[in-house]
C-alpha atoms as a PDB file:
ATOM      1  CA  UNK A   1      28.227  -8.897 117.815  1.00  0.00           C
ATOM      2  CA  UNK A   2      30.438  -7.413 115.083  1.00  0.00           C
ATOM      3  CA  UNK A   3      27.372  -6.091 113.288  1.00  0.00           C
ATOM      4  CA  UNK A   4      26.170  -4.275 116.420  1.00  0.00           C
ATOM      5  CA  UNK A   5      29.607  -2.803 117.016  1.00  0.00           C
ATOM      6  CA  UNK A   6      29.862  -1.666 113.388  1.00  0.00           C
ATOM      7  CA  UNK A   7      26.376  -0.094 113.490  1.00  0.00           C
ATOM      8  CA  UNK A   8      27.235   1.621 116.773  1.00  0.00           C
ATOM      9  CA  UNK A   9      30.487   3.045 115.389  1.00  0.00           C
ATOM     10  CA  UNK A  10      28.742   4.100 112.192  1.00  0.00           C
ATOM     11  CA  UNK A  11      26.037   5.838 114.222  1.00  0.00           C
ATOM     12  CA  UNK A  12      28.635   7.674 116.318  1.00  0.00           C
ATOM     13  CA  UNK A  13      30.483   8.773 113.163  1.00  0.00           C
ATOM     14  CA  UNK A  14      27.283  10.049 111.567  1.00  0.00           C
ATOM     15  CA  UNK A  15      26.285  11.936 114.721  1.00  0.00           C
ATOM     16  CA  UNK A  16      29.702  13.529 115.055  1.00  0.00           C
ATOM     17  CA  UNK A  17      29.647  14.666 111.442  1.00  0.00           C
ATOM     18  CA  UNK A  18      26.260  16.341 111.694  1.00  0.00           C
ATOM     19  CA  UNK A  19      26.645  20.087 111.390  1.00  0.00           C
ATOM     20  CA  UNK A  20      23.832  20.797 113.801  1.00  0.00           C
ATOM     21  CA  UNK A  21      22.269  18.955 116.709  1.00  0.00           C
ATOM     22  CA  UNK A  22      18.976  20.596 115.729  1.00  0.00           C
ATOM     23  CA  UNK A  23      18.994  18.774 112.389  1.00  0.00           C
ATOM     24  CA  UNK A  24      19.442  15.475 114.193  1.00  0.00           C
ATOM     25  CA  UNK A  25      16.753  16.254 116.751  1.00  0.00           C
ATOM     26  CA  UNK A  26      14.281  17.261 114.060  1.00  0.00           C
ATOM     27  CA  UNK A  27      15.024  14.281 111.849  1.00  0.00           C
ATOM     28  CA  UNK A  28      14.564  11.478 114.346  1.00  0.00           C
ATOM     29  CA  UNK A  29      14.082  11.251 118.111  1.00  0.00           C
ATOM     30  CA  UNK A  30      16.218   8.085 118.312  1.00  0.00           C
ATOM     31  CA  UNK A  31      19.289   9.853 117.006  1.00  0.00           C
ATOM     32  CA  UNK A  32      18.683  12.813 119.303  1.00  0.00           C
ATOM     33  CA  UNK A  33      18.480  10.507 122.317  1.00  0.00           C
ATOM     34  CA  UNK A  34      21.585   8.641 121.212  1.00  0.00           C
ATOM     35  CA  UNK A  35      23.491  11.892 120.683  1.00  0.00           C
ATOM     36  CA  UNK A  36      22.492  13.168 124.145  1.00  0.00           C
ATOM     37  CA  UNK A  37      23.663   9.896 125.662  1.00  0.00           C
ATOM     38  CA  UNK A  38      26.990  10.140 123.819  1.00  0.00           C
ATOM     39  CA  UNK A  39      27.414  13.736 125.024  1.00  0.00           C
ATOM     40  CA  UNK A  40      26.675  12.657 128.601  1.00  0.00           C
ATOM     41  CA  UNK A  41      29.358  10.000 128.319  1.00  0.00           C
ATOM     42  CA  UNK A  42      31.992  12.195 126.657  1.00  0.00           C
ATOM     43  CA  UNK A  43      31.416  15.474 128.513  1.00  0.00           C
ATOM     44  CA  UNK A  44      31.899  15.864 132.265  1.00  0.00           C
ATOM     45  CA  UNK A  45      28.535  16.333 133.953  1.00  0.00           C
ATOM     46  CA  UNK A  46      29.703  19.319 136.005  1.00  0.00           C
ATOM     47  CA  UNK A  47      30.010  21.351 132.781  1.00  0.00           C
ATOM     48  CA  UNK A  48      26.397  20.834 131.735  1.00  0.00           C
ATOM     49  CA  UNK A  49      23.692  22.991 133.291  1.00  0.00           C
ATOM     50  CA  UNK A  50      20.318  21.429 133.819  1.00  0.00           C
ATOM     51  CA  UNK A  51      17.382  22.079 136.116  1.00  0.00           C
ATOM     52  CA  UNK A  52      18.382  21.775 139.773  1.00  0.00           C
ATOM     53  CA  UNK A  53      22.018  21.213 138.800  1.00  0.00           C
ATOM     54  CA  UNK A  54      23.647  24.144 137.005  1.00  0.00           C
ATOM     55  CA  UNK A  55      27.364  24.012 136.351  1.00  0.00           C
ATOM     56  CA  UNK A  56      29.551  25.863 138.855  1.00  0.00           C
ATOM     57  CA  UNK A  57      30.646  28.209 136.079  1.00  0.00           C
ATOM     58  CA  UNK A  58      27.040  29.184 135.302  1.00  0.00           C
ATOM     59  CA  UNK A  59      26.157  29.604 138.981  1.00  0.00           C
ATOM     60  CA  UNK A  60      29.175  31.846 139.610  1.00  0.00           C
ATOM     61  CA  UNK A  61      28.449  33.931 136.515  1.00  0.00           C
ATOM     62  CA  UNK A  62      24.804  34.388 137.515  1.00  0.00           C
ATOM     63  CA  UNK A  63      25.671  35.291 141.112  1.00  0.00           C
ATOM     64  CA  UNK A  64      28.412  37.720 140.075  1.00  0.00           C
ATOM     65  CA  UNK A  65      26.109  39.479 137.622  1.00  0.00           C
ATOM     66  CA  UNK A  66      23.358  39.639 140.219  1.00  0.00           C
ATOM     67  CA  UNK A  67      25.640  41.074 142.932  1.00  0.00           C
ATOM     68  CA  UNK A  68      27.149  43.597 140.501  1.00  0.00           C
ATOM     69  CA  UNK A  69      23.681  44.848 139.512  1.00  0.00           C
ATOM     70  CA  UNK A  70      22.586  45.332 143.130  1.00  0.00           C
ATOM     71  CA  UNK A  71      25.828  47.023 144.188  1.00  0.00           C
ATOM     72  CA  UNK A  72      25.439  49.434 141.229  1.00  0.00           C
ATOM     73  CA  UNK A  73      22.259  50.658 142.957  1.00  0.00           C
ATOM     74  CA  UNK A  74      24.291  51.940 145.912  1.00  0.00           C
ATOM     75  CA  UNK A  75      23.963  55.610 144.963  1.00  0.00           C
ATOM     76  CA  UNK A  76      20.403  55.405 143.626  1.00  0.00           C
ATOM     77  CA  UNK A  77      17.273  56.133 145.678  1.00  0.00           C
ATOM     78  CA  UNK A  78      16.634  52.389 146.139  1.00  0.00           C
ATOM     79  CA  UNK A  79      20.216  51.807 147.259  1.00  0.00           C
ATOM     80  CA  UNK A  80      20.038  54.703 149.700  1.00  0.00           C
ATOM     81  CA  UNK A  81      16.778  53.322 151.104  1.00  0.00           C
ATOM     82  CA  UNK A  82      18.434  49.966 151.761  1.00  0.00           C
ATOM     83  CA  UNK A  83      21.359  51.649 153.481  1.00  0.00           C
ATOM     84  CA  UNK A  84      19.158  54.056 155.457  1.00  0.00           C
ATOM     85  CA  UNK A  85      17.735  51.183 157.512  1.00  0.00           C
ATOM     86  CA  UNK A  86      21.235  50.108 158.504  1.00  0.00           C
ATOM     87  CA  UNK A  87      21.699  47.332 155.953  1.00  0.00           C
ATOM     88  CA  UNK A  88      25.071  46.941 154.239  1.00  0.00           C
ATOM     89  CA  UNK A  89      24.287  46.849 150.513  1.00  0.00           C
ATOM     90  CA  UNK A  90      27.159  44.427 149.708  1.00  0.00           C
ATOM     91  CA  UNK A  91      25.899  41.955 152.335  1.00  0.00           C
ATOM     92  CA  UNK A  92      22.351  42.430 151.084  1.00  0.00           C
ATOM     93  CA  UNK A  93      23.464  41.803 147.490  1.00  0.00           C
ATOM     94  CA  UNK A  94      25.356  38.617 148.338  1.00  0.00           C
ATOM     95  CA  UNK A  95      22.546  37.111 150.418  1.00  0.00           C
ATOM     96  CA  UNK A  96      19.824  38.099 147.961  1.00  0.00           C
ATOM     97  CA  UNK A  97      21.775  36.633 145.046  1.00  0.00           C
ATOM     98  CA  UNK A  98      22.544  33.419 146.962  1.00  0.00           C
ATOM     99  CA  UNK A  99      18.802  33.062 147.532  1.00  0.00           C
ATOM    100  CA  UNK A 100      18.032  33.884 143.901  1.00  0.00           C
ATOM    101  CA  UNK A 101      20.481  31.379 142.397  1.00  0.00           C
ATOM    102  CA  UNK A 102      18.916  28.561 144.419  1.00  0.00           C
ATOM    103  CA  UNK A 103      15.448  29.424 143.168  1.00  0.00           C
ATOM    104  CA  UNK A 104      16.538  30.150 139.600  1.00  0.00           C
ATOM    105  CA  UNK A 105      18.525  26.916 139.380  1.00  0.00           C
ATOM    106  CA  UNK A 106      15.501  24.957 140.626  1.00  0.00           C
ATOM    107  CA  UNK A 107      13.210  26.648 138.096  1.00  0.00           C
ATOM    108  CA  UNK A 108      15.234  26.948 134.880  1.00  0.00           C
ATOM    109  CA  UNK A 109      17.284  24.434 132.897  1.00  0.00           C
ATOM    110  CA  UNK A 110      20.118  26.873 132.189  1.00  0.00           C
ATOM    111  CA  UNK A 111      21.001  30.578 132.128  1.00  0.00           C
ATOM    112  CA  UNK A 112      19.652  30.961 128.582  1.00  0.00           C
ATOM    113  CA  UNK A 113      16.168  29.788 129.521  1.00  0.00           C
ATOM    114  CA  UNK A 114      16.285  31.910 132.686  1.00  0.00           C
ATOM    115  CA  UNK A 115      17.238  34.966 130.650  1.00  0.00           C
ATOM    116  CA  UNK A 116      14.163  34.544 128.474  1.00  0.00           C
ATOM    117  CA  UNK A 117      11.808  34.926 131.445  1.00  0.00           C
ATOM    118  CA  UNK A 118      12.403  38.410 132.815  1.00  0.00           C
ATOM    119  CA  UNK A 119       9.060  38.427 134.636  1.00  0.00           C
ATOM    120  CA  UNK A 120       9.942  35.196 136.459  1.00  0.00           C
ATOM    121  CA  UNK A 121      13.409  36.488 137.350  1.00  0.00           C
ATOM    122  CA  UNK A 122      11.915  39.736 138.651  1.00  0.00           C
ATOM    123  CA  UNK A 123       9.499  37.777 140.842  1.00  0.00           C
ATOM    124  CA  UNK A 124      12.318  35.630 142.236  1.00  0.00           C
ATOM    125  CA  UNK A 125      14.506  38.700 142.770  1.00  0.00           C
ATOM    126  CA  UNK A 126      11.701  40.554 144.531  1.00  0.00           C
ATOM    127  CA  UNK A 127      10.923  37.611 146.809  1.00  0.00           C
ATOM    128  CA  UNK A 128      14.570  37.070 147.717  1.00  0.00           C
ATOM    129  CA  UNK A 129      15.210  40.790 148.200  1.00  0.00           C
ATOM    130  CA  UNK A 130      12.222  41.105 150.531  1.00  0.00           C
ATOM    131  CA  UNK A 131      13.184  38.033 152.567  1.00  0.00           C
ATOM    132  CA  UNK A 132      16.834  39.054 152.902  1.00  0.00           C
ATOM    133  CA  UNK A 133      15.921  42.640 153.798  1.00  0.00           C
ATOM    134  CA  UNK A 134      13.630  41.434 156.583  1.00  0.00           C
ATOM    135  CA  UNK A 135      16.352  39.075 157.852  1.00  0.00           C
ATOM    136  CA  UNK A 136      19.043  41.773 157.852  1.00  0.00           C
ATOM    137  CA  UNK A 137      16.801  44.367 159.482  1.00  0.00           C
ATOM    138  CA  UNK A 138      16.289  42.013 162.447  1.00  0.00           C
ATOM    139  CA  UNK A 139      20.019  42.128 163.234  1.00  0.00           C
END
């Protein structure tokens, strides 16, 4: 029992002293798995984004950025088109971004991986924008 405890503590010490998680992951899958398990234990789960469960901080940041980008369009031809059919652009932005965050969170592990796929984000944005526009025009 003492041996197992000593080996476990030694392993934790070695993992904590590694300068890079990438070095551990590349060197041996066992250590990478152990380090991930230690991180899961030591770090609150709500602060870690993963597919279908982004952290609240990441979701709020994504939604805010999304809404800000759409609202910036207000005085552009696209923004004027949205408003010309009687749709409030702020309401449109909020609903479209709420739709988008659900789909983005289900598709990507975290904001970094989402940011690397601009084509996928554009597709999601287009789908959500179309659906929300149709919904708001029915009002």
